[in-house]
Amino acid sequence: MYSGSDSLDDLDDRVRDIAGLLTHLTTAAAFADRALRRDRDPEAEITRLMVTQLTHTTGALGHALADLGDAVAHAGVLHQLAATPRSAQRTTSIESTRARLHARIDSTRGRLNKAGAQLHQAADRLTATPAAPRSPRASATVPVPLPRSTAFRTR
């Protein structure tokens, strides 16, 4: 009988993957935003668009992670149901819970596919955006400010 233990191991891996992506994208967006606020980005409009897209993508990943959280809860119910005595009610409950588990996994997959497609399209638009013309002479004469120490920055 299916206990849900295998799903819990797989779900654990997927939750870690998505949490890592959330962290990575949030860090990238925060780094780019800090560059914008410090006026250090010569391509500010592209960076602004990138920050916007990264933050939208993290929202979609957050929803996918919530779906996986529901899937974990359903896998836990399956684990509990496996320990109950066999009965028609148990079989019905297992089938119903398994259907909800698969629905959450399918929802997660759909959200991730949609977020990935949106991020890919946004990346295509960003790379197609023409950069502002730069004068080689101007960049040679304008001093580049030194980065400020981030030792006192708080998170």
N, C-alpha and C. Protein backbone atom coordinates (compact mmCIF):
# COMPACT_ATOMS: atom_id res chain seq x y z
N MET A 1 0.86 -1.19 0.00
CA MET A 1 0.00 0.00 0.00
C MET A 1 0.89 1.24 0.00
N TYR A 2 0.43 2.26 -0.64
CA TYR A 2 1.16 3.52 -0.79
C TYR A 2 1.10 4.29 0.52
N SER A 3 2.26 4.65 1.05
CA SER A 3 2.29 5.33 2.34
C SER A 3 2.52 6.82 2.23
N GLY A 4 3.03 7.29 1.13
CA GLY A 4 3.34 8.71 1.01
C GLY A 4 4.78 9.02 1.35
N SER A 5 5.52 8.04 1.89
CA SER A 5 6.91 8.29 2.29
C SER A 5 7.79 8.63 1.09
N ASP A 6 7.60 7.90 -0.03
CA ASP A 6 8.38 8.22 -1.22
C ASP A 6 8.08 9.62 -1.71
N SER A 7 6.82 10.00 -1.66
CA SER A 7 6.44 11.36 -2.07
C SER A 7 7.05 12.40 -1.15
N LEU A 8 7.13 12.10 0.13
CA LEU A 8 7.71 13.06 1.06
C LEU A 8 9.18 13.31 0.74
N ASP A 9 9.91 12.25 0.39
CA ASP A 9 11.32 12.45 0.01
C ASP A 9 11.42 13.29 -1.27
N ASP A 10 10.60 12.97 -2.26
CA ASP A 10 10.62 13.73 -3.51
C ASP A 10 10.18 15.18 -3.28
N LEU A 11 9.15 15.36 -2.48
CA LEU A 11 8.67 16.71 -2.19
C LEU A 11 9.71 17.52 -1.43
N ASP A 12 10.41 16.86 -0.53
CA ASP A 12 11.48 17.54 0.21
C ASP A 12 12.52 18.09 -0.76
N ASP A 13 12.91 17.27 -1.74
CA ASP A 13 13.87 17.73 -2.74
C ASP A 13 13.33 18.90 -3.54
N ARG A 14 12.09 18.84 -3.97
CA ARG A 14 11.50 19.92 -4.78
C ARG A 14 11.34 21.19 -3.97
N VAL A 15 10.95 21.07 -2.71
CA VAL A 15 10.81 22.26 -1.86
C VAL A 15 12.17 22.95 -1.72
N ARG A 16 13.22 22.16 -1.52
CA ARG A 16 14.57 22.74 -1.40
C ARG A 16 14.98 23.43 -2.70
N ASP A 17 14.65 22.80 -3.84
CA ASP A 17 14.99 23.39 -5.13
C ASP A 17 14.31 24.75 -5.30
N ILE A 18 13.03 24.79 -5.03
CA ILE A 18 12.27 26.03 -5.23
C ILE A 18 12.69 27.08 -4.21
N ALA A 19 12.92 26.68 -2.98
CA ALA A 19 13.38 27.64 -1.97
C ALA A 19 14.73 28.23 -2.38
N GLY A 20 15.60 27.39 -2.94
CA GLY A 20 16.89 27.89 -3.42
C GLY A 20 16.73 28.87 -4.55
N LEU A 21 15.80 28.58 -5.48
CA LEU A 21 15.53 29.52 -6.57
C LEU A 21 14.98 30.84 -6.04
N LEU A 22 14.07 30.75 -5.08
CA LEU A 22 13.53 31.97 -4.47
C LEU A 22 14.64 32.81 -3.87
N THR A 23 15.51 32.18 -3.15
CA THR A 23 16.63 32.89 -2.52
C THR A 23 17.53 33.51 -3.58
N HIS A 24 17.87 32.74 -4.61
CA HIS A 24 18.75 33.23 -5.66
C HIS A 24 18.14 34.44 -6.39
N LEU A 25 16.89 34.31 -6.80
CA LEU A 25 16.25 35.40 -7.55
C LEU A 25 16.04 36.64 -6.68
N THR A 26 15.69 36.43 -5.41
CA THR A 26 15.50 37.57 -4.50
C THR A 26 16.82 38.29 -4.27
N THR A 27 17.88 37.53 -4.10
CA THR A 27 19.21 38.13 -3.91
C THR A 27 19.63 38.91 -5.15
N ALA A 28 19.39 38.33 -6.33
CA ALA A 28 19.75 39.02 -7.57
C ALA A 28 18.95 40.32 -7.73
N ALA A 29 17.65 40.27 -7.41
CA ALA A 29 16.81 41.47 -7.51
C ALA A 29 17.28 42.53 -6.51
N ALA A 30 17.59 42.13 -5.30
CA ALA A 30 18.04 43.08 -4.28
C ALA A 30 19.37 43.70 -4.67
N PHE A 31 20.28 42.90 -5.20
CA PHE A 31 21.59 43.41 -5.64
C PHE A 31 21.40 44.44 -6.75
N ALA A 32 20.57 44.12 -7.74
CA ALA A 32 20.34 45.04 -8.85
C ALA A 32 19.65 46.32 -8.36
N ASP A 33 18.72 46.16 -7.43
CA ASP A 33 18.02 47.33 -6.89
C ASP A 33 18.99 48.25 -6.14
N ARG A 34 19.90 47.65 -5.39
CA ARG A 34 20.90 48.47 -4.68
C ARG A 34 21.77 49.23 -5.68
N ALA A 35 22.12 48.59 -6.78
CA ALA A 35 22.92 49.26 -7.81
C ALA A 35 22.16 50.44 -8.39
N LEU A 36 20.86 50.27 -8.59
CA LEU A 36 20.04 51.37 -9.11
C LEU A 36 19.98 52.53 -8.11
N ARG A 37 19.78 52.20 -6.85
CA ARG A 37 19.67 53.25 -5.83
C ARG A 37 20.97 54.00 -5.64
N ARG A 38 22.08 53.38 -5.94
CA ARG A 38 23.38 54.03 -5.79
C ARG A 38 23.84 54.69 -7.08
N ASP A 39 22.99 54.67 -8.09
CA ASP A 39 23.31 55.26 -9.40
C ASP A 39 24.60 54.69 -9.97
N ARG A 40 24.81 53.41 -9.82
CA ARG A 40 26.02 52.79 -10.35
C ARG A 40 25.76 52.00 -11.62
N ASP A 41 24.54 51.98 -12.06
CA ASP A 41 24.22 51.15 -13.21
C ASP A 41 24.06 52.01 -14.44
N PRO A 42 24.96 51.88 -15.41
CA PRO A 42 24.86 52.70 -16.61
C PRO A 42 23.66 52.31 -17.48
N GLU A 43 23.13 51.13 -17.28
CA GLU A 43 21.96 50.67 -18.04
C GLU A 43 20.78 50.53 -17.09
N ALA A 44 20.41 51.64 -16.46
CA ALA A 44 19.41 51.63 -15.39
C ALA A 44 18.06 51.09 -15.85
N GLU A 45 17.62 51.44 -17.03
CA GLU A 45 16.30 51.00 -17.47
C GLU A 45 16.25 49.48 -17.63
N ILE A 46 17.29 48.91 -18.18
CA ILE A 46 17.35 47.44 -18.32
C ILE A 46 17.36 46.80 -16.93
N THR A 47 18.13 47.36 -16.03
CA THR A 47 18.20 46.81 -14.68
C THR A 47 16.85 46.94 -13.98
N ARG A 48 16.18 48.05 -14.17
CA ARG A 48 14.86 48.24 -13.57
C ARG A 48 13.88 47.18 -14.08
N LEU A 49 13.92 46.93 -15.38
CA LEU A 49 13.05 45.89 -15.96
C LEU A 49 13.43 44.51 -15.41
N MET A 50 14.72 44.27 -15.24
CA MET A 50 15.18 42.99 -14.71
C MET A 50 14.69 42.80 -13.27
N VAL A 51 14.80 43.83 -12.45
CA VAL A 51 14.33 43.74 -11.07
C VAL A 51 12.84 43.45 -11.05
N THR A 52 12.09 44.14 -11.89
CA THR A 52 10.65 43.91 -11.96
C THR A 52 10.34 42.47 -12.33
N GLN A 53 11.01 41.96 -13.35
CA GLN A 53 10.74 40.58 -13.77
C GLN A 53 11.17 39.57 -12.72
N LEU A 54 12.31 39.80 -12.08
CA LEU A 54 12.75 38.88 -11.04
C LEU A 54 11.76 38.84 -9.89
N THR A 55 11.24 39.99 -9.50
CA THR A 55 10.29 40.01 -8.39
C THR A 55 8.96 39.36 -8.78
N HIS A 56 8.54 39.53 -10.02
CA HIS A 56 7.32 38.84 -10.47
C HIS A 56 7.53 37.33 -10.47
N THR A 57 8.70 36.91 -10.88
CA THR A 57 9.00 35.47 -10.92
C THR A 57 9.05 34.90 -9.51
N THR A 58 9.60 35.64 -8.56
CA THR A 58 9.63 35.12 -7.19
C THR A 58 8.22 34.98 -6.63
N GLY A 59 7.32 35.86 -7.06
CA GLY A 59 5.92 35.70 -6.65
C GLY A 59 5.33 34.39 -7.16
N ALA A 60 5.60 34.08 -8.42
CA ALA A 60 5.10 32.82 -8.99
C ALA A 60 5.75 31.63 -8.29
N LEU A 61 7.03 31.74 -7.97
CA LEU A 61 7.70 30.65 -7.24
C LEU A 61 7.12 30.49 -5.84
N GLY A 62 6.77 31.58 -5.22
CA GLY A 62 6.14 31.52 -3.90
C GLY A 62 4.82 30.77 -3.95
N HIS A 63 4.03 31.02 -4.99
CA HIS A 63 2.77 30.29 -5.14
C HIS A 63 3.03 28.81 -5.40
N ALA A 64 4.04 28.51 -6.19
CA ALA A 64 4.40 27.11 -6.44
C ALA A 64 4.85 26.43 -5.15
N LEU A 65 5.60 27.15 -4.33
CA LEU A 65 6.05 26.61 -3.06
C LEU A 65 4.86 26.36 -2.13
N ALA A 66 3.87 27.26 -2.17
CA ALA A 66 2.66 27.05 -1.37
C ALA A 66 1.92 25.79 -1.84
N ASP A 67 1.85 25.60 -3.15
CA ASP A 67 1.23 24.38 -3.68
C ASP A 67 1.97 23.14 -3.19
N LEU A 68 3.29 23.22 -3.19
CA LEU A 68 4.07 22.08 -2.69
C LEU A 68 3.84 21.87 -1.20
N GLY A 69 3.66 22.94 -0.47
CA GLY A 69 3.33 22.81 0.96
C GLY A 69 2.04 22.04 1.15
N ASP A 70 1.03 22.34 0.33
CA ASP A 70 -0.22 21.58 0.38
C ASP A 70 0.02 20.12 0.00
N ALA A 71 0.87 19.90 -1.00
CA ALA A 71 1.19 18.52 -1.41
C ALA A 71 1.85 17.76 -0.27
N VAL A 72 2.74 18.41 0.46
CA VAL A 72 3.38 17.78 1.62
C VAL A 72 2.33 17.40 2.65
N ALA A 73 1.38 18.29 2.88
CA ALA A 73 0.31 17.98 3.84
C ALA A 73 -0.50 16.77 3.38
N HIS A 74 -0.80 16.69 2.10
CA HIS A 74 -1.54 15.53 1.58
C HIS A 74 -0.72 14.25 1.69
N ALA A 75 0.59 14.34 1.44
CA ALA A 75 1.45 13.17 1.59
C ALA A 75 1.47 12.72 3.05
N GLY A 76 1.43 13.67 3.96
CA GLY A 76 1.37 13.32 5.39
C GLY A 76 0.07 12.61 5.74
N VAL A 77 -1.04 13.06 5.15
CA VAL A 77 -2.32 12.38 5.37
C VAL A 77 -2.26 10.96 4.82
N LEU A 78 -1.66 10.80 3.63
CA LEU A 78 -1.52 9.45 3.07
C LEU A 78 -0.68 8.57 4.00
N HIS A 79 0.35 9.13 4.56
CA HIS A 79 1.20 8.39 5.49
C HIS A 79 0.37 7.93 6.69
N GLN A 80 -0.46 8.80 7.20
CA GLN A 80 -1.30 8.48 8.34
C GLN A 80 -2.36 7.44 7.96
N LEU A 81 -2.96 7.60 6.79
CA LEU A 81 -4.00 6.66 6.35
C LEU A 81 -3.45 5.25 6.15
N ALA A 82 -2.20 5.15 5.75
CA ALA A 82 -1.59 3.83 5.53
C ALA A 82 -1.53 3.02 6.81
N ALA A 83 -1.52 3.69 7.95
CA ALA A 83 -1.43 3.00 9.24
C ALA A 83 -2.80 2.62 9.80
N THR A 84 -3.87 3.05 9.15
CA THR A 84 -5.22 2.73 9.65
C THR A 84 -5.67 1.37 9.11
N PRO A 85 -6.61 0.73 9.82
CA PRO A 85 -7.11 -0.58 9.36
C PRO A 85 -7.78 -0.47 7.99
N ARG A 86 -7.62 -1.51 7.22
CA ARG A 86 -8.22 -1.55 5.87
C ARG A 86 -9.74 -1.49 5.98
N SER A 87 -10.29 -0.64 5.09
CA SER A 87 -11.75 -0.53 5.01
C SER A 87 -12.08 0.19 3.71
N ALA A 88 -13.35 0.18 3.37
CA ALA A 88 -13.80 0.89 2.17
C ALA A 88 -13.60 2.39 2.35
N GLN A 89 -13.84 2.87 3.55
CA GLN A 89 -13.67 4.30 3.83
C GLN A 89 -12.20 4.69 3.69
N ARG A 90 -11.30 3.85 4.18
CA ARG A 90 -9.87 4.11 4.07
C ARG A 90 -9.46 4.17 2.60
N THR A 91 -9.93 3.23 1.81
CA THR A 91 -9.60 3.21 0.38
C THR A 91 -10.08 4.47 -0.31
N THR A 92 -11.30 4.88 0.01
CA THR A 92 -11.85 6.11 -0.56
C THR A 92 -11.03 7.32 -0.14
N SER A 93 -10.67 7.36 1.14
CA SER A 93 -9.87 8.49 1.65
C SER A 93 -8.51 8.54 0.99
N ILE A 94 -7.89 7.38 0.81
CA ILE A 94 -6.57 7.33 0.16
C ILE A 94 -6.68 7.82 -1.28
N GLU A 95 -7.68 7.35 -2.01
CA GLU A 95 -7.85 7.77 -3.40
C GLU A 95 -8.11 9.28 -3.50
N SER A 96 -8.94 9.77 -2.61
CA SER A 96 -9.26 11.21 -2.61
C SER A 96 -8.03 12.05 -2.27
N THR A 97 -7.31 11.63 -1.26
CA THR A 97 -6.12 12.36 -0.84
C THR A 97 -5.04 12.30 -1.91
N ARG A 98 -4.89 11.13 -2.52
CA ARG A 98 -3.90 10.98 -3.60
C ARG A 98 -4.26 11.89 -4.77
N ALA A 99 -5.54 12.00 -5.08
CA ALA A 99 -5.96 12.90 -6.17
C ALA A 99 -5.63 14.35 -5.84
N ARG A 100 -5.85 14.74 -4.58
CA ARG A 100 -5.51 16.12 -4.17
C ARG A 100 -4.00 16.33 -4.20
N LEU A 101 -3.23 15.33 -3.79
CA LEU A 101 -1.77 15.41 -3.85
C LEU A 101 -1.32 15.63 -5.28
N HIS A 102 -1.83 14.83 -6.19
CA HIS A 102 -1.43 14.96 -7.59
C HIS A 102 -1.90 16.29 -8.19
N ALA A 103 -3.05 16.78 -7.75
CA ALA A 103 -3.54 18.07 -8.23
C ALA A 103 -2.60 19.20 -7.80
N ARG A 104 -2.10 19.13 -6.56
CA ARG A 104 -1.16 20.16 -6.07
C ARG A 104 0.16 20.07 -6.83
N ILE A 105 0.62 18.86 -7.09
CA ILE A 105 1.87 18.70 -7.85
C ILE A 105 1.68 19.21 -9.27
N ASP A 106 0.55 18.90 -9.88
CA ASP A 106 0.27 19.40 -11.24
C ASP A 106 0.19 20.93 -11.25
N SER A 107 -0.44 21.49 -10.21
CA SER A 107 -0.53 22.95 -10.11
C SER A 107 0.86 23.56 -9.98
N THR A 108 1.70 22.94 -9.16
CA THR A 108 3.08 23.41 -9.00
C THR A 108 3.80 23.38 -10.33
N ARG A 109 3.68 22.26 -11.03
CA ARG A 109 4.35 22.11 -12.33
C ARG A 109 3.87 23.19 -13.29
N GLY A 110 2.57 23.42 -13.34
CA GLY A 110 2.02 24.45 -14.22
C GLY A 110 2.54 25.84 -13.88
N ARG A 111 2.56 26.16 -12.59
CA ARG A 111 3.06 27.47 -12.15
C ARG A 111 4.54 27.64 -12.52
N LEU A 112 5.32 26.59 -12.31
CA LEU A 112 6.75 26.68 -12.62
C LEU A 112 6.98 26.82 -14.12
N ASN A 113 6.23 26.07 -14.91
CA ASN A 113 6.35 26.19 -16.37
C ASN A 113 5.97 27.59 -16.84
N LYS A 114 4.90 28.13 -16.29
CA LYS A 114 4.46 29.47 -16.67
C LYS A 114 5.49 30.52 -16.25
N ALA A 115 5.99 30.40 -15.02
CA ALA A 115 7.00 31.35 -14.54
C ALA A 115 8.26 31.27 -15.38
N GLY A 116 8.67 30.06 -15.72
CA GLY A 116 9.85 29.89 -16.55
C GLY A 116 9.67 30.50 -17.93
N ALA A 117 8.50 30.30 -18.52
CA ALA A 117 8.23 30.87 -19.85
C ALA A 117 8.22 32.40 -19.78
N GLN A 118 7.61 32.95 -18.74
CA GLN A 118 7.59 34.41 -18.59
C GLN A 118 8.99 34.97 -18.40
N LEU A 119 9.79 34.29 -17.60
CA LEU A 119 11.16 34.75 -17.37
C LEU A 119 11.97 34.66 -18.65
N HIS A 120 11.77 33.61 -19.41
CA HIS A 120 12.48 33.45 -20.68
C HIS A 120 12.09 34.56 -21.65
N GLN A 121 10.79 34.86 -21.76
CA GLN A 121 10.33 35.93 -22.65
C GLN A 121 10.88 37.27 -22.20
N ALA A 122 10.89 37.50 -20.89
CA ALA A 122 11.42 38.77 -20.38
C ALA A 122 12.91 38.88 -20.68
N ALA A 123 13.64 37.79 -20.55
CA ALA A 123 15.07 37.81 -20.86
C ALA A 123 15.29 38.12 -22.34
N ASP A 124 14.45 37.55 -23.19
CA ASP A 124 14.56 37.87 -24.62
C ASP A 124 14.32 39.34 -24.88
N ARG A 125 13.33 39.93 -24.19
CA ARG A 125 13.05 41.36 -24.36
C ARG A 125 14.20 42.21 -23.83
N LEU A 126 14.78 41.79 -22.72
CA LEU A 126 15.89 42.56 -22.14
C LEU A 126 17.11 42.53 -23.05
N THR A 127 17.40 41.39 -23.63
CA THR A 127 18.58 41.32 -24.50
C THR A 127 18.33 42.01 -25.82
N ALA A 128 17.05 42.15 -26.21
CA ALA A 128 16.73 42.83 -27.47
C ALA A 128 16.66 44.34 -27.29
N THR A 129 16.59 44.81 -26.04
CA THR A 129 16.50 46.23 -25.77
C THR A 129 17.82 46.89 -26.13
N PRO A 130 17.77 47.91 -27.01
CA PRO A 130 19.03 48.57 -27.39
C PRO A 130 19.59 49.37 -26.21
N ALA A 131 20.87 49.25 -26.03
CA ALA A 131 21.53 50.00 -24.97
C ALA A 131 21.70 51.44 -25.43
N ALA A 132 21.69 52.34 -24.49
CA ALA A 132 21.90 53.75 -24.80
C ALA A 132 23.30 53.93 -25.37
N PRO A 133 23.42 54.76 -26.39
CA PRO A 133 24.76 54.94 -26.97
C PRO A 133 25.69 55.59 -25.96
N ARG A 134 26.89 55.07 -25.92
CA ARG A 134 27.89 55.60 -24.99
C ARG A 134 29.02 56.21 -25.78
N SER A 135 29.49 57.28 -25.28
CA SER A 135 30.64 57.93 -25.91
C SER A 135 31.90 57.39 -25.26
N PRO A 136 32.80 56.82 -26.05
CA PRO A 136 34.05 56.32 -25.46
C PRO A 136 34.84 57.42 -24.77
N ARG A 137 34.76 58.61 -25.30
CA ARG A 137 35.48 59.72 -24.70
C ARG A 137 34.90 60.07 -23.34
N ALA A 138 33.57 60.08 -23.24
CA ALA A 138 32.92 60.45 -21.97
C ALA A 138 33.24 59.43 -20.88
N SER A 139 33.24 58.16 -21.22
CA SER A 139 33.49 57.16 -20.19
C SER A 139 34.95 57.18 -19.75
N ALA A 140 35.84 57.65 -20.62
CA ALA A 140 37.24 57.70 -20.25
C ALA A 140 37.52 58.87 -19.32
N THR A 141 36.70 59.93 -19.37
CA THR A 141 36.98 61.10 -18.55
C THR A 141 36.15 61.15 -17.27
N VAL A 142 35.09 60.38 -17.20
CA VAL A 142 34.25 60.41 -16.01
C VAL A 142 34.80 59.40 -15.01
N PRO A 143 35.12 59.87 -13.80
CA PRO A 143 35.66 58.93 -12.81
C PRO A 143 34.57 57.95 -12.36
N VAL A 144 34.97 56.73 -12.13
CA VAL A 144 34.04 55.71 -11.65
C VAL A 144 34.10 55.73 -10.14
N PRO A 145 32.95 55.92 -9.47
CA PRO A 145 32.98 55.97 -8.00
C PRO A 145 33.37 54.61 -7.42
N LEU A 146 34.12 54.65 -6.35
CA LEU A 146 34.52 53.42 -5.67
C LEU A 146 33.32 52.87 -4.92
N PRO A 147 33.18 51.55 -4.86
CA PRO A 147 32.06 50.97 -4.12
C PRO A 147 32.17 51.29 -2.64
N ARG A 148 31.02 51.58 -2.04
CA ARG A 148 31.00 51.83 -0.61
C ARG A 148 31.10 50.50 0.13
N SER A 149 31.64 50.56 1.30
CA SER A 149 31.73 49.36 2.10
C SER A 149 30.34 48.92 2.51
N THR A 150 30.09 47.62 2.44
CA THR A 150 28.78 47.10 2.85
C THR A 150 28.84 46.49 4.23
N ALA A 151 29.91 46.80 4.96
CA ALA A 151 30.07 46.21 6.29
C ALA A 151 28.95 46.63 7.23
N PHE A 152 28.38 47.81 7.04
CA PHE A 152 27.35 48.29 7.94
C PHE A 152 25.94 48.07 7.40
N ARG A 153 25.84 47.43 6.25
CA ARG A 153 24.53 47.16 5.66
C ARG A 153 23.85 46.07 6.47
N THR A 154 22.58 46.26 6.74
CA THR A 154 21.82 45.23 7.46
C THR A 154 20.87 44.55 6.51
N ARG A 155 20.56 43.33 6.80
CA ARG A 155 19.63 42.57 5.96
C ARG A 155 18.32 42.46 6.65
